[in-house]
Structures are given as C-alpha cells and as structure tokens.
C-alpha cells in the first residue's frame, strides 16, 4: 500500500493554516545576518527583514543538508513508502539541487524532487493541489501526472518599488537594470519557463503598474474559472485593496491572500505586490 508524504520549502508561501490542515512538511530557507542565521518564518518574520532595510540587507541560503536529511528520515521512520519534495525554481535558488543531493542517501523509500521553476504562491498552488490529491488517495503515478500537468499553467507576476534588492541579491535574471527607474518606470516582473525573472512590461508609476498587473491576469484567464493568490511584501494595505477587487470577479474559484516569506523579501525589498494564478 502506497503511503505518500509531501515536503516543500518555505518559499512556497502557503498560509500556515493550509500547511497544518493538509499535513505539508515545510523546510525553512535561511536568512543570514552578521549577528546570526535565522529560519524562514520560524524565528524571523517578513517585517523583521523590512524593518532593518535599507541599512541591513541579509543574505539567504537554502535549507542545510542535515535538516533535509533529518526531514526525509522522519518520513521514512513514520512508514511512508513514497516522498515528493517540491521546491522553488532551480533558476533562483540552490534548494532543488540540495534536496536532490540529500535524497541520494536514501534507498528504502521512493523519492521524487520536483522543480516548480517558479516561486511564492505559484509554487504554493502546485504544493496545495498535490497535497489535496494525496489526501484524496490518488496513486503515486497519478499524483505525479497531475503535478507535471499543473506546473506549466501556473503564472507569477509582480511589481516592486526598486530593483536595488534584486541586484544586490544577484537575482536580477533577465530584468535589465533600467535608467527608467529615474523616470518612475516600474517593471512588471514575471518568471519565464527556465525559472528566472524577466521584464514582462514597463509601466510608469505605481498605480498604473498595479492596473497592468490586473490586466495581465484578466488577459490570461479571460472568462474561464481560475485560482489566484494576492501576495504582498510589506504592502498589506495595497494588497488588501487588490484582493477586494479580485474577490468581486464571478469566475474566481479560490482566492488566497498572504505575504511573501522573509527569504523572498530579502531580494525584493518592501513594496512588492504579486499575483500568482492559474486557469482551471
């Protein structure tokens, strides 16, 4: 009889309530300051990071191998026969490679490490759907099939106040550092099929960039039913306004509101608004 466990990293940004309800195991990314190392959402929260900016900008790291192996060992000892590990994009973090490396030490449990090639609640939707499929008793093969079918459908777009933090964190990807920042041009950033950031559009001013963000969603889903997560990084009030607008749409089926993890916030800085969605 197959018994399937699910592990994700903390960059999936799933609300804690859902994590607990669905029995998802979360491995925290690391935030590193000169005064010590912190575990994402365990002993450091998003506002802790923003409050120390711009004076202090920490570095981030993947979960360490010991923690990954301990988590796999727990699953194995609890009698699980199969383990699915879902990670943020390998184009943005070494987490996928670290999970793969750790998994090689176990030969008495079937392990699959899956690279979502995205992050935040775009990864979160994939984790959420997979957890629900496991709970409904789908077979290992069927769970994997649904996972690989959903992954290319999920999209993530966001707008930030400045590119400074992406640059400093080395996560700039294909997003050109623009002179346009002086002209108040705000890039709308997406994640491409290789799992790295790119500039999807350039819009002048904050309010117009938020309108364009909504436009991208509407163009993508049309009149079809869809699920969407509104994410913010230190921009809760704007996020709530965006959420209220989307909640009125007749074709939205599931709506999630949350903040991005401290480890992601390090690279975007305060002021992020994001939409992570997929058409049903």
C-alpha atoms as a PDB file:
ATOM      1  CA  UNK A   1       0.000   0.000   0.000  1.00  0.00           C
ATOM      2  CA  UNK A   2       1.466   3.381  -1.030  1.00  0.00           C
ATOM      3  CA  UNK A   3       1.829   5.968   1.701  1.00  0.00           C
ATOM      4  CA  UNK A   4       2.874   9.348   0.262  1.00  0.00           C
ATOM      5  CA  UNK A   5       4.477  12.234   2.168  1.00  0.00           C
ATOM      6  CA  UNK A   6       4.974  15.782   0.911  1.00  0.00           C
ATOM      7  CA  UNK A   7       7.782  18.238   1.718  1.00  0.00           C
ATOM      8  CA  UNK A   8       8.085  21.793   0.371  1.00  0.00           C
ATOM      9  CA  UNK A   9      10.439  24.660   1.112  1.00  0.00           C
ATOM     10  CA  UNK A  10       9.256  27.823   2.829  1.00  0.00           C
ATOM     11  CA  UNK A  11       9.365  29.874  -0.403  1.00  0.00           C
ATOM     12  CA  UNK A  12       6.048  28.263  -1.415  1.00  0.00           C
ATOM     13  CA  UNK A  13       4.411  30.911   0.825  1.00  0.00           C
ATOM     14  CA  UNK A  14       1.373  28.781   1.668  1.00  0.00           C
ATOM     15  CA  UNK A  15      -0.622  30.179   4.606  1.00  0.00           C
ATOM     16  CA  UNK A  16       0.187  28.251   7.789  1.00  0.00           C
ATOM     17  CA  UNK A  17      -3.457  27.216   8.244  1.00  0.00           C
ATOM     18  CA  UNK A  18      -3.391  25.268   4.961  1.00  0.00           C
ATOM     19  CA  UNK A  19       0.022  23.779   5.738  1.00  0.00           C
ATOM     20  CA  UNK A  20      -1.333  22.369   9.009  1.00  0.00           C
ATOM     21  CA  UNK A  21      -4.682  21.234   7.598  1.00  0.00           C
ATOM     22  CA  UNK A  22      -3.047  19.262   4.779  1.00  0.00           C
ATOM     23  CA  UNK A  23      -0.070  17.828   6.665  1.00  0.00           C
ATOM     24  CA  UNK A  24       2.548  19.514   4.459  1.00  0.00           C
ATOM     25  CA  UNK A  25       6.079  19.483   5.873  1.00  0.00           C
ATOM     26  CA  UNK A  26       7.934  22.761   5.333  1.00  0.00           C
ATOM     27  CA  UNK A  27      11.714  23.115   5.272  1.00  0.00           C
ATOM     28  CA  UNK A  28      12.712  26.725   6.001  1.00  0.00           C
ATOM     29  CA  UNK A  29      15.137  28.705   3.896  1.00  0.00           C
ATOM     30  CA  UNK A  30      17.776  30.660   5.820  1.00  0.00           C
ATOM     31  CA  UNK A  31      18.261  34.387   6.339  1.00  0.00           C
ATOM     32  CA  UNK A  32      21.802  35.305   7.357  1.00  0.00           C
ATOM     33  CA  UNK A  33      22.780  38.499   9.182  1.00  0.00           C
ATOM     34  CA  UNK A  34      26.163  39.257  10.774  1.00  0.00           C
ATOM     35  CA  UNK A  35      24.521  38.557  14.151  1.00  0.00           C
ATOM     36  CA  UNK A  36      23.308  35.082  13.196  1.00  0.00           C
ATOM     37  CA  UNK A  37      21.312  32.757  10.974  1.00  0.00           C
ATOM     38  CA  UNK A  38      17.527  32.650  11.064  1.00  0.00           C
ATOM     39  CA  UNK A  39      14.990  30.117   9.757  1.00  0.00           C
ATOM     40  CA  UNK A  40      12.352  31.488   7.383  1.00  0.00           C
ATOM     41  CA  UNK A  41       9.047  32.152   9.218  1.00  0.00           C
ATOM     42  CA  UNK A  42      10.281  30.171  12.245  1.00  0.00           C
ATOM     43  CA  UNK A  43      12.319  32.723  14.191  1.00  0.00           C
ATOM     44  CA  UNK A  44      12.142  35.592  11.702  1.00  0.00           C
ATOM     45  CA  UNK A  45       9.097  37.157  10.043  1.00  0.00           C
ATOM     46  CA  UNK A  46       8.803  39.332   6.914  1.00  0.00           C
ATOM     47  CA  UNK A  47       8.530  42.671   8.762  1.00  0.00           C
ATOM     48  CA  UNK A  48      11.662  41.844  10.767  1.00  0.00           C
ATOM     49  CA  UNK A  49      13.568  41.924   7.460  1.00  0.00           C
ATOM     50  CA  UNK A  50      11.916  45.069   6.054  1.00  0.00           C
ATOM     51  CA  UNK A  51      12.367  46.959   9.337  1.00  0.00           C
ATOM     52  CA  UNK A  52      16.141  46.517   9.070  1.00  0.00           C
ATOM     53  CA  UNK A  53      16.257  47.769   5.469  1.00  0.00           C
ATOM     54  CA  UNK A  54      17.887  49.560   3.774  1.00  0.00           C
ATOM     55  CA  UNK A  55      20.593  49.766   6.446  1.00  0.00           C
ATOM     56  CA  UNK A  56      20.951  45.997   6.687  1.00  0.00           C
ATOM     57  CA  UNK A  57      20.409  43.623   3.780  1.00  0.00           C
ATOM     58  CA  UNK A  58      20.974  39.983   4.758  1.00  0.00           C
ATOM     59  CA  UNK A  59      21.936  37.104   2.517  1.00  0.00           C
ATOM     60  CA  UNK A  60      19.833  33.981   2.085  1.00  0.00           C
ATOM     61  CA  UNK A  61      20.602  30.292   1.863  1.00  0.00           C
ATOM     62  CA  UNK A  62      18.855  27.013   1.176  1.00  0.00           C
ATOM     63  CA  UNK A  63      17.931  24.573   3.962  1.00  0.00           C
ATOM     64  CA  UNK A  64      21.077  22.792   5.094  1.00  0.00           C
ATOM     65  CA  UNK A  65      21.732  19.148   4.185  1.00  0.00           C
ATOM     66  CA  UNK A  66      21.422  17.968   7.781  1.00  0.00           C
ATOM     67  CA  UNK A  67      17.913  19.415   8.069  1.00  0.00           C
ATOM     68  CA  UNK A  68      16.850  17.960   4.728  1.00  0.00           C
ATOM     69  CA  UNK A  69      18.164  14.504   5.626  1.00  0.00           C
ATOM     70  CA  UNK A  70      16.519  14.666   9.056  1.00  0.00           C
ATOM     71  CA  UNK A  71      13.169  15.522   7.442  1.00  0.00           C
ATOM     72  CA  UNK A  72      13.495  12.636   4.979  1.00  0.00           C
ATOM     73  CA  UNK A  73      14.488  10.315   7.811  1.00  0.00           C
ATOM     74  CA  UNK A  74      11.392  11.336   9.805  1.00  0.00           C
ATOM     75  CA  UNK A  75       9.184  10.494   6.829  1.00  0.00           C
ATOM     76  CA  UNK A  76      10.899   7.135   6.369  1.00  0.00           C
ATOM     77  CA  UNK A  77      10.582   6.206  10.059  1.00  0.00           C
ATOM     78  CA  UNK A  78       6.895   7.123  10.024  1.00  0.00           C
ATOM     79  CA  UNK A  79       6.346   4.369   7.482  1.00  0.00           C
ATOM     80  CA  UNK A  80       5.897   6.381   4.298  1.00  0.00           C
ATOM     81  CA  UNK A  81       6.779   4.480   1.142  1.00  0.00           C
ATOM     82  CA  UNK A  82       6.953   7.495  -1.187  1.00  0.00           C
ATOM     83  CA  UNK A  83       8.108  11.073  -0.734  1.00  0.00           C
ATOM     84  CA  UNK A  84       7.521  14.040  -3.010  1.00  0.00           C
ATOM     85  CA  UNK A  85       9.711  17.102  -2.438  1.00  0.00           C
ATOM     86  CA  UNK A  86       8.547  20.276  -4.213  1.00  0.00           C
ATOM     87  CA  UNK A  87      10.918  23.243  -4.486  1.00  0.00           C
ATOM     88  CA  UNK A  88      11.114  26.778  -5.746  1.00  0.00           C
ATOM     89  CA  UNK A  89      12.831  27.385  -9.066  1.00  0.00           C
ATOM     90  CA  UNK A  90      16.324  25.976  -9.550  1.00  0.00           C
ATOM     91  CA  UNK A  91      16.943  29.134 -11.572  1.00  0.00           C
ATOM     92  CA  UNK A  92      16.592  31.246  -8.417  1.00  0.00           C
ATOM     93  CA  UNK A  93      17.948  29.026  -5.641  1.00  0.00           C
ATOM     94  CA  UNK A  94      20.147  26.006  -4.998  1.00  0.00           C
ATOM     95  CA  UNK A  95      17.370  24.385  -2.933  1.00  0.00           C
ATOM     96  CA  UNK A  96      16.341  21.929  -5.670  1.00  0.00           C
ATOM     97  CA  UNK A  97      19.929  20.690  -6.059  1.00  0.00           C
ATOM     98  CA  UNK A  98      20.375  20.419  -2.276  1.00  0.00           C
ATOM     99  CA  UNK A  99      17.191  18.327  -1.957  1.00  0.00           C
ATOM    100  CA  UNK A 100      18.339  16.051  -4.780  1.00  0.00           C
ATOM    101  CA  UNK A 101      21.735  15.610  -3.151  1.00  0.00           C
ATOM    102  CA  UNK A 102      20.197  14.704   0.211  1.00  0.00           C
ATOM    103  CA  UNK A 103      17.711  12.288  -1.387  1.00  0.00           C
ATOM    104  CA  UNK A 104      20.553  10.185  -2.851  1.00  0.00           C
ATOM    105  CA  UNK A 105      21.397   8.893   0.629  1.00  0.00           C
ATOM    106  CA  UNK A 106      18.070   7.037   0.923  1.00  0.00           C
ATOM    107  CA  UNK A 107      17.366   3.846  -0.982  1.00  0.00           C
ATOM    108  CA  UNK A 108      14.491   2.369   1.046  1.00  0.00           C
ATOM    109  CA  UNK A 109      11.917   4.996   0.128  1.00  0.00           C
ATOM    110  CA  UNK A 110      10.867   6.250  -3.319  1.00  0.00           C
ATOM    111  CA  UNK A 111      11.760   9.962  -3.542  1.00  0.00           C
ATOM    112  CA  UNK A 112      10.988  12.447  -6.313  1.00  0.00           C
ATOM    113  CA  UNK A 113      12.307  16.009  -6.141  1.00  0.00           C
ATOM    114  CA  UNK A 114      10.243  18.338  -8.328  1.00  0.00           C
ATOM    115  CA  UNK A 115      11.437  21.737  -9.579  1.00  0.00           C
ATOM    116  CA  UNK A 116       8.439  24.061  -9.998  1.00  0.00           C
ATOM    117  CA  UNK A 117      10.511  26.613 -11.987  1.00  0.00           C
ATOM    118  CA  UNK A 118       8.630  29.341 -10.119  1.00  0.00           C
ATOM    119  CA  UNK A 119       8.203  30.583  -6.557  1.00  0.00           C
ATOM    120  CA  UNK A 120       5.937  32.043  -3.892  1.00  0.00           C
ATOM    121  CA  UNK A 121       2.282  31.068  -4.253  1.00  0.00           C
ATOM    122  CA  UNK A 122       2.861  29.956  -7.846  1.00  0.00           C
ATOM    123  CA  UNK A 123       4.814  27.136  -6.221  1.00  0.00           C
ATOM    124  CA  UNK A 124       2.258  27.178  -3.405  1.00  0.00           C
ATOM    125  CA  UNK A 125      -0.646  26.368  -5.742  1.00  0.00           C
ATOM    126  CA  UNK A 126       1.297  23.349  -7.008  1.00  0.00           C
ATOM    127  CA  UNK A 127       2.029  22.191  -3.444  1.00  0.00           C
ATOM    128  CA  UNK A 128      -1.598  22.767  -2.418  1.00  0.00           C
ATOM    129  CA  UNK A 129      -3.059  20.830  -5.331  1.00  0.00           C
ATOM    130  CA  UNK A 130      -0.594  17.989  -4.774  1.00  0.00           C
ATOM    131  CA  UNK A 131      -1.394  17.781  -1.050  1.00  0.00           C
ATOM    132  CA  UNK A 132      -5.112  17.574  -1.820  1.00  0.00           C
ATOM    133  CA  UNK A 133      -4.514  14.869  -4.426  1.00  0.00           C
ATOM    134  CA  UNK A 134      -2.528  12.829  -1.907  1.00  0.00           C
ATOM    135  CA  UNK A 135      -5.290  13.208   0.695  1.00  0.00           C
ATOM    136  CA  UNK A 136      -7.936  12.000  -1.740  1.00  0.00           C
ATOM    137  CA  UNK A 137      -5.941   8.789  -2.128  1.00  0.00           C
ATOM    138  CA  UNK A 138      -4.614   9.170  -5.655  1.00  0.00           C
ATOM    139  CA  UNK A 139      -1.816   6.799  -6.621  1.00  0.00           C
ATOM    140  CA  UNK A 140       1.818   7.928  -6.751  1.00  0.00           C
ATOM    141  CA  UNK A 141       1.766   7.874 -10.561  1.00  0.00           C
ATOM    142  CA  UNK A 142      -1.464   9.887 -10.723  1.00  0.00           C
ATOM    143  CA  UNK A 143      -0.155  12.452  -8.221  1.00  0.00           C
ATOM    144  CA  UNK A 144       2.975  12.928 -10.356  1.00  0.00           C
ATOM    145  CA  UNK A 145       0.912  13.162 -13.530  1.00  0.00           C
ATOM    146  CA  UNK A 146      -1.319  15.912 -12.116  1.00  0.00           C
ATOM    147  CA  UNK A 147       1.707  17.734 -10.751  1.00  0.00           C
ATOM    148  CA  UNK A 148       3.506  17.848 -14.090  1.00  0.00           C
ATOM    149  CA  UNK A 149       0.281  18.894 -15.849  1.00  0.00           C
ATOM    150  CA  UNK A 150      -0.360  21.807 -13.482  1.00  0.00           C
ATOM    151  CA  UNK A 151       3.180  23.225 -13.333  1.00  0.00           C
ATOM    152  CA  UNK A 152       3.246  24.951 -16.773  1.00  0.00           C
ATOM    153  CA  UNK A 153      -0.179  26.525 -16.166  1.00  0.00           C
ATOM    154  CA  UNK A 154       0.761  28.475 -13.039  1.00  0.00           C
ATOM    155  CA  UNK A 155       1.913  32.067 -13.573  1.00  0.00           C
ATOM    156  CA  UNK A 156       3.523  34.654 -11.294  1.00  0.00           C
ATOM    157  CA  UNK A 157       3.860  38.388 -11.898  1.00  0.00           C
ATOM    158  CA  UNK A 158       4.870  41.121  -9.527  1.00  0.00           C
ATOM    159  CA  UNK A 159       5.759  44.773  -9.199  1.00  0.00           C
ATOM    160  CA  UNK A 160       8.334  46.205  -6.788  1.00  0.00           C
ATOM    161  CA  UNK A 161       9.392  49.658  -5.654  1.00  0.00           C
ATOM    162  CA  UNK A 162      13.044  49.325  -6.643  1.00  0.00           C
ATOM    163  CA  UNK A 163      15.378  46.886  -8.391  1.00  0.00           C
ATOM    164  CA  UNK A 164      18.091  47.587  -5.807  1.00  0.00           C
ATOM    165  CA  UNK A 165      17.446  44.454  -3.741  1.00  0.00           C
ATOM    166  CA  UNK A 166      17.225  42.092  -6.731  1.00  0.00           C
ATOM    167  CA  UNK A 167      20.557  43.463  -7.918  1.00  0.00           C
ATOM    168  CA  UNK A 168      22.251  43.139  -4.539  1.00  0.00           C
ATOM    169  CA  UNK A 169      20.956  39.593  -4.105  1.00  0.00           C
ATOM    170  CA  UNK A 170      22.168  38.546  -7.557  1.00  0.00           C
ATOM    171  CA  UNK A 171      18.603  37.580  -8.584  1.00  0.00           C
ATOM    172  CA  UNK A 172      18.181  40.135 -11.350  1.00  0.00           C
ATOM    173  CA  UNK A 173      17.931  37.442 -14.082  1.00  0.00           C
ATOM    174  CA  UNK A 174      16.759  38.952 -17.374  1.00  0.00           C
ATOM    175  CA  UNK A 175      15.390  42.065 -15.688  1.00  0.00           C
ATOM    176  CA  UNK A 176      17.519  44.887 -17.099  1.00  0.00           C
ATOM    177  CA  UNK A 177      18.721  47.424 -14.572  1.00  0.00           C
ATOM    178  CA  UNK A 178      16.972  50.393 -16.124  1.00  0.00           C
ATOM    179  CA  UNK A 179      17.781  54.070 -16.290  1.00  0.00           C
ATOM    180  CA  UNK A 180      13.997  54.123 -16.405  1.00  0.00           C
ATOM    181  CA  UNK A 181      13.946  53.962 -12.625  1.00  0.00           C
ATOM    182  CA  UNK A 182      14.667  57.688 -12.714  1.00  0.00           C
ATOM    183  CA  UNK A 183      11.592  58.147 -14.902  1.00  0.00           C
ATOM    184  CA  UNK A 184       9.471  56.242 -12.356  1.00  0.00           C
ATOM    185  CA  UNK A 185       9.161  53.265 -14.715  1.00  0.00           C
ATOM    186  CA  UNK A 186       8.074  50.200 -12.765  1.00  0.00           C
ATOM    187  CA  UNK A 187       8.909  46.831 -14.302  1.00  0.00           C
ATOM    188  CA  UNK A 188       6.305  44.122 -14.045  1.00  0.00           C
ATOM    189  CA  UNK A 189       8.403  41.060 -13.458  1.00  0.00           C
ATOM    190  CA  UNK A 190       7.449  37.528 -14.456  1.00  0.00           C
ATOM    191  CA  UNK A 191       9.114  34.132 -14.174  1.00  0.00           C
ATOM    192  CA  UNK A 192       9.939  32.522 -17.512  1.00  0.00           C
ATOM    193  CA  UNK A 193       9.905  28.831 -18.481  1.00  0.00           C
ATOM    194  CA  UNK A 194      13.536  28.495 -17.367  1.00  0.00           C
ATOM    195  CA  UNK A 195      12.508  29.655 -13.914  1.00  0.00           C
ATOM    196  CA  UNK A 196      14.257  33.036 -13.932  1.00  0.00           C
ATOM    197  CA  UNK A 197      12.977  36.587 -13.714  1.00  0.00           C
ATOM    198  CA  UNK A 198      12.318  38.681 -16.801  1.00  0.00           C
ATOM    199  CA  UNK A 199      10.694  42.041 -17.519  1.00  0.00           C
ATOM    200  CA  UNK A 200       7.159  41.398 -18.750  1.00  0.00           C
ATOM    201  CA  UNK A 201       6.220  45.079 -19.084  1.00  0.00           C
ATOM    202  CA  UNK A 202       7.344  48.556 -18.048  1.00  0.00           C
ATOM    203  CA  UNK A 203       4.763  50.947 -16.690  1.00  0.00           C
ATOM    204  CA  UNK A 204       5.122  54.494 -15.427  1.00  0.00           C
ATOM    205  CA  UNK A 205       4.101  54.888 -11.801  1.00  0.00           C
ATOM    206  CA  UNK A 206       2.854  52.647  -9.038  1.00  0.00           C
ATOM    207  CA  UNK A 207      -0.903  52.868  -9.603  1.00  0.00           C
ATOM    208  CA  UNK A 208      -0.607  52.163 -13.336  1.00  0.00           C
ATOM    209  CA  UNK A 209       1.680  49.203 -12.670  1.00  0.00           C
ATOM    210  CA  UNK A 210      -0.945  47.687 -10.353  1.00  0.00           C
ATOM    211  CA  UNK A 211      -3.610  48.217 -13.031  1.00  0.00           C
ATOM    212  CA  UNK A 212      -1.364  46.472 -15.562  1.00  0.00           C
ATOM    213  CA  UNK A 213      -0.872  43.588 -13.117  1.00  0.00           C
ATOM    214  CA  UNK A 214      -4.650  43.103 -13.020  1.00  0.00           C
ATOM    215  CA  UNK A 215      -4.764  43.412 -16.820  1.00  0.00           C
ATOM    216  CA  UNK A 216      -2.221  40.608 -17.216  1.00  0.00           C
ATOM    217  CA  UNK A 217      -4.378  38.364 -15.029  1.00  0.00           C
ATOM    218  CA  UNK A 218      -7.570  39.187 -16.938  1.00  0.00           C
ATOM    219  CA  UNK A 219      -5.916  38.669 -20.330  1.00  0.00           C
ATOM    220  CA  UNK A 220      -4.580  35.299 -19.178  1.00  0.00           C
ATOM    221  CA  UNK A 221      -7.781  33.857 -17.709  1.00  0.00           C
ATOM    222  CA  UNK A 222     -10.471  35.550 -19.790  1.00  0.00           C
ATOM    223  CA  UNK A 223     -13.900  34.293 -18.738  1.00  0.00           C
ATOM    224  CA  UNK A 224     -12.542  30.950 -17.561  1.00  0.00           C
ATOM    225  CA  UNK A 225     -12.597  29.909 -13.908  1.00  0.00           C
ATOM    226  CA  UNK A 226      -9.293  30.476 -12.138  1.00  0.00           C
ATOM    227  CA  UNK A 227      -7.491  30.407  -8.795  1.00  0.00           C
ATOM    228  CA  UNK A 228      -5.440  33.394  -7.694  1.00  0.00           C
ATOM    229  CA  UNK A 229      -3.244  34.397  -4.771  1.00  0.00           C
ATOM    230  CA  UNK A 230      -2.607  38.038  -3.963  1.00  0.00           C
ATOM    231  CA  UNK A 231       0.803  38.318  -2.314  1.00  0.00           C
ATOM    232  CA  UNK A 232       2.461  41.310  -0.734  1.00  0.00           C
ATOM    233  CA  UNK A 233       5.821  42.174   0.725  1.00  0.00           C
ATOM    234  CA  UNK A 234       5.403  44.958   3.246  1.00  0.00           C
ATOM    235  CA  UNK A 235       2.449  46.358   1.277  1.00  0.00           C
ATOM    236  CA  UNK A 236      -0.525  44.889   3.144  1.00  0.00           C
ATOM    237  CA  UNK A 237      -2.938  47.784   2.636  1.00  0.00           C
ATOM    238  CA  UNK A 238      -2.425  47.873  -1.145  1.00  0.00           C
ATOM    239  CA  UNK A 239      -2.644  44.078  -1.211  1.00  0.00           C
ATOM    240  CA  UNK A 240      -5.988  44.121   0.598  1.00  0.00           C
ATOM    241  CA  UNK A 241      -7.392  46.626  -1.911  1.00  0.00           C
ATOM    242  CA  UNK A 242      -6.254  44.413  -4.775  1.00  0.00           C
ATOM    243  CA  UNK A 243      -7.791  41.380  -3.054  1.00  0.00           C
ATOM    244  CA  UNK A 244     -11.145  43.161  -2.652  1.00  0.00           C
ATOM    245  CA  UNK A 245     -11.246  43.957  -6.369  1.00  0.00           C
ATOM    246  CA  UNK A 246     -10.456  40.402  -7.427  1.00  0.00           C
ATOM    247  CA  UNK A 247     -12.958  38.917  -4.949  1.00  0.00           C
ATOM    248  CA  UNK A 248     -15.771  40.534  -6.970  1.00  0.00           C
ATOM    249  CA  UNK A 249     -14.896  38.649 -10.157  1.00  0.00           C
ATOM    250  CA  UNK A 250     -17.513  35.993 -10.967  1.00  0.00           C
ATOM    251  CA  UNK A 251     -15.008  33.433 -12.300  1.00  0.00           C
ATOM    252  CA  UNK A 252     -12.565  33.383  -9.370  1.00  0.00           C
ATOM    253  CA  UNK A 253     -12.857  29.999  -7.639  1.00  0.00           C
ATOM    254  CA  UNK A 254     -10.228  30.115  -4.911  1.00  0.00           C
ATOM    255  CA  UNK A 255      -8.636  33.266  -3.569  1.00  0.00           C
ATOM    256  CA  UNK A 256      -5.676  33.361  -1.187  1.00  0.00           C
ATOM    257  CA  UNK A 257      -4.097  36.395   0.462  1.00  0.00           C
ATOM    258  CA  UNK A 258      -0.722  36.218   2.137  1.00  0.00           C
ATOM    259  CA  UNK A 259       2.691  37.796   2.480  1.00  0.00           C
ATOM    260  CA  UNK A 260       5.884  36.563   0.868  1.00  0.00           C
ATOM    261  CA  UNK A 261       8.418  34.807   3.061  1.00  0.00           C
ATOM    262  CA  UNK A 262      11.335  36.707   4.628  1.00  0.00           C
ATOM    263  CA  UNK A 263      13.778  34.851   2.354  1.00  0.00           C
ATOM    264  CA  UNK A 264      11.987  36.145  -0.753  1.00  0.00           C
ATOM    265  CA  UNK A 265      11.507  39.599   0.752  1.00  0.00           C
ATOM    266  CA  UNK A 266      15.267  39.967   1.114  1.00  0.00           C
ATOM    267  CA  UNK A 267      15.544  40.038  -2.687  1.00  0.00           C
ATOM    268  CA  UNK A 268      12.564  42.281  -3.447  1.00  0.00           C
ATOM    269  CA  UNK A 269      12.545  44.761  -0.577  1.00  0.00           C
ATOM    270  CA  UNK A 270       9.356  46.293   0.836  1.00  0.00           C
ATOM    271  CA  UNK A 271       6.594  47.316  -1.558  1.00  0.00           C
ATOM    272  CA  UNK A 272       6.029  44.117  -3.538  1.00  0.00           C
ATOM    273  CA  UNK A 273       2.613  43.198  -4.916  1.00  0.00           C
ATOM    274  CA  UNK A 274       2.207  39.914  -6.772  1.00  0.00           C
ATOM    275  CA  UNK A 275      -0.447  37.815  -8.457  1.00  0.00           C
ATOM    276  CA  UNK A 276       0.081  34.042  -8.655  1.00  0.00           C
ATOM    277  CA  UNK A 277      -2.669  32.311 -10.605  1.00  0.00           C
ATOM    278  CA  UNK A 278      -3.757  29.583 -12.975  1.00  0.00           C
ATOM    279  CA  UNK A 279      -6.724  28.889 -15.198  1.00  0.00           C
ATOM    280  CA  UNK A 280      -8.836  25.866 -14.293  1.00  0.00           C
END
